[in-house]
């Protein structure tokens, strides 16, 4: 049995409490997966988009680190990254790397929409900003947008 979590499910909130801590932990897990996934994207994406992948990787690392602090501030222990994550599909070429990047951003947007709903005050504003950034990056990678970023997979 594999211990690797899938990039597609990392960051899925569990339980029904809907609390800010749980949503922040889910966002942290999604950011861990995004950092891993962008390592793959960066290795496969064409040279024309490599700087975009590098920038997104750095943005997700920064969000991950901020979320670890947030989880501690909320009284929790930040969930560590998994050793590896199963990719949702094979990434043999630049086109698949671009698809993976858009997929990662969609996943991150989804957990940030949960955090927006669960949080209040500055944390809610920060989560809304992260949701917006993920939605913009997804559009850049995909070339098209969705009507309600972060809610696409709930439709």
Protein backbone atom coordinates (compact mmCIF):
# COMPACT_ATOMS: atom_id res chain seq x y z
CA UNK A 1 0.00 0.00 0.00
CA UNK A 2 1.36 3.41 -0.94
CA UNK A 3 1.74 6.05 1.74
CA UNK A 4 1.82 8.85 -0.81
CA UNK A 5 -1.17 11.15 -0.82
CA UNK A 6 -2.56 12.19 -4.12
CA UNK A 7 -2.14 15.76 -5.26
CA UNK A 8 -5.84 15.63 -6.14
CA UNK A 9 -6.99 14.99 -2.56
CA UNK A 10 -4.33 16.67 -0.44
CA UNK A 11 -5.97 19.46 1.48
CA UNK A 12 -9.47 18.06 1.51
CA UNK A 13 -11.08 19.12 4.76
CA UNK A 14 -12.45 16.33 6.93
CA UNK A 15 -15.12 16.40 9.59
CA UNK A 16 -17.98 18.81 9.95
CA UNK A 17 -16.70 21.36 12.46
CA UNK A 18 -15.96 23.88 9.73
CA UNK A 19 -13.53 25.61 12.06
CA UNK A 20 -10.76 27.91 10.97
CA UNK A 21 -8.07 25.57 12.33
CA UNK A 22 -9.34 22.61 10.32
CA UNK A 23 -9.64 24.73 7.17
CA UNK A 24 -6.16 26.17 7.71
CA UNK A 25 -4.73 22.65 8.12
CA UNK A 26 -6.45 21.62 4.87
CA UNK A 27 -5.01 24.65 3.09
CA UNK A 28 -1.57 23.82 4.49
CA UNK A 29 -1.86 20.25 3.19
CA UNK A 30 -2.88 21.58 -0.23
CA UNK A 31 0.09 23.95 -0.26
CA UNK A 32 2.44 21.08 0.62
CA UNK A 33 1.02 19.18 -2.37
CA UNK A 34 1.28 22.24 -4.63
CA UNK A 35 4.95 22.74 -3.72
CA UNK A 36 5.60 19.09 -4.59
CA UNK A 37 3.55 19.32 -7.78
CA UNK A 38 5.33 22.44 -8.98
CA UNK A 39 8.60 20.57 -8.59
CA UNK A 40 7.27 18.21 -11.26
CA UNK A 41 5.86 21.06 -13.36
CA UNK A 42 9.19 22.89 -13.30
CA UNK A 43 11.02 19.81 -14.48
CA UNK A 44 8.66 19.15 -17.40
CA UNK A 45 7.33 22.51 -18.54
CA UNK A 46 8.90 24.12 -21.58
CA UNK A 47 11.54 26.81 -21.22
CA UNK A 48 9.06 29.51 -22.28
CA UNK A 49 7.00 28.93 -19.11
CA UNK A 50 9.71 27.82 -16.70
CA UNK A 51 9.94 31.23 -15.00
CA UNK A 52 6.16 31.17 -14.48
CA UNK A 53 6.47 27.77 -12.82
CA UNK A 54 9.37 28.98 -10.66
CA UNK A 55 7.37 32.01 -9.57
CA UNK A 56 4.32 29.88 -8.71
CA UNK A 57 6.52 27.43 -6.79
CA UNK A 58 7.93 30.31 -4.72
CA UNK A 59 4.44 31.71 -4.09
CA UNK A 60 3.20 28.35 -2.83
CA UNK A 61 6.25 27.91 -0.58
CA UNK A 62 5.57 31.34 0.93
CA UNK A 63 1.87 30.54 1.44
CA UNK A 64 2.79 27.17 2.97
CA UNK A 65 5.15 28.80 5.45
CA UNK A 66 2.57 31.47 6.36
CA UNK A 67 -0.09 28.80 6.87
CA UNK A 68 2.19 26.84 9.18
CA UNK A 69 2.46 29.98 11.34
CA UNK A 70 -1.31 30.49 11.14
CA UNK A 71 -2.00 26.93 12.29
CA UNK A 72 0.31 27.48 15.27
CA UNK A 73 -1.40 30.81 16.03
CA UNK A 74 -4.76 29.00 16.01
CA UNK A 75 -3.44 26.51 18.57
CA UNK A 76 -2.68 23.61 16.25
CA UNK A 77 0.39 21.71 15.17
CA UNK A 78 1.11 22.21 11.46
CA UNK A 79 0.68 19.03 9.44
CA UNK A 80 3.99 18.00 7.87
CA UNK A 81 4.39 17.42 4.16
CA UNK A 82 4.10 13.88 2.89
CA UNK A 83 7.26 12.24 1.57
CA UNK A 84 5.66 12.00 -1.87
CA UNK A 85 2.35 12.68 -3.59
CA UNK A 86 0.71 10.63 -6.33
CA UNK A 87 0.06 12.79 -9.37
CA UNK A 88 -3.48 12.80 -10.77
CA UNK A 89 -2.20 11.84 -14.23
CA UNK A 90 1.14 11.13 -15.94
CA UNK A 91 3.25 14.20 -16.74
CA UNK A 92 5.52 13.11 -19.59
CA UNK A 93 5.72 16.40 -21.51
CA UNK A 94 5.27 20.19 -21.33
CA UNK A 95 1.56 20.06 -22.23
CA UNK A 96 0.85 17.70 -19.33
CA UNK A 97 2.94 19.92 -17.03
CA UNK A 98 0.75 22.89 -17.93
CA UNK A 99 -2.38 20.82 -17.22
CA UNK A 100 -0.92 19.77 -13.86
CA UNK A 101 -0.18 23.39 -12.94
CA UNK A 102 -3.79 24.39 -13.68
CA UNK A 103 -5.01 21.38 -11.68
CA UNK A 104 -2.84 22.34 -8.70
CA UNK A 105 -4.19 25.88 -8.73
CA UNK A 106 -7.78 24.62 -8.90
CA UNK A 107 -7.16 22.40 -5.86
CA UNK A 108 -5.58 25.22 -3.90
CA UNK A 109 -8.44 27.57 -4.81
CA UNK A 110 -10.91 25.00 -3.49
CA UNK A 111 -9.34 24.77 -0.05
CA UNK A 112 -8.95 28.52 0.18
CA UNK A 113 -12.66 28.92 -0.54
CA UNK A 114 -13.25 26.64 2.47
CA UNK A 115 -10.90 28.78 4.57
CA UNK A 116 -12.68 31.97 3.50
CA UNK A 117 -15.95 30.43 4.69
CA UNK A 118 -14.50 29.23 8.02
CA UNK A 119 -12.33 32.20 8.97
CA UNK A 120 -12.98 35.73 10.12
CA UNK A 121 -11.12 39.03 10.05
CA UNK A 122 -7.54 39.15 8.77
CA UNK A 123 -7.37 35.39 8.15
CA UNK A 124 -10.45 35.59 5.93
CA UNK A 125 -8.90 38.47 3.95
CA UNK A 126 -5.65 36.53 3.58
CA UNK A 127 -7.53 33.43 2.41
CA UNK A 128 -9.54 35.49 -0.08
CA UNK A 129 -6.30 36.92 -1.46
CA UNK A 130 -4.82 33.43 -1.79
CA UNK A 131 -8.00 32.24 -3.54
CA UNK A 132 -7.76 35.13 -5.99
CA UNK A 133 -4.07 34.46 -6.70
CA UNK A 134 -4.71 30.75 -7.31
CA UNK A 135 -7.62 31.55 -9.64
CA UNK A 136 -5.48 33.99 -11.63
CA UNK A 137 -2.64 31.47 -11.93
CA UNK A 138 -5.11 28.75 -13.02
CA UNK A 139 -6.42 31.02 -15.78
CA UNK A 140 -2.89 31.80 -16.92
CA UNK A 141 -2.01 28.11 -17.09
CA UNK A 142 -5.28 26.96 -18.61
CA UNK A 143 -6.05 29.94 -20.80
CA UNK A 144 -9.67 30.06 -19.61
CA UNK A 145 -11.39 30.72 -16.33
CA UNK A 146 -14.23 29.28 -14.31
CA UNK A 147 -17.29 31.18 -13.11
CA UNK A 148 -16.69 30.57 -9.41
CA UNK A 149 -13.03 29.75 -8.61
CA UNK A 150 -12.70 27.28 -5.78
CA UNK A 151 -16.17 25.88 -6.38
CA UNK A 152 -15.56 24.15 -9.73
CA UNK A 153 -15.36 20.65 -8.30
CA UNK A 154 -18.42 21.18 -6.14
CA UNK A 155 -20.66 21.89 -9.15
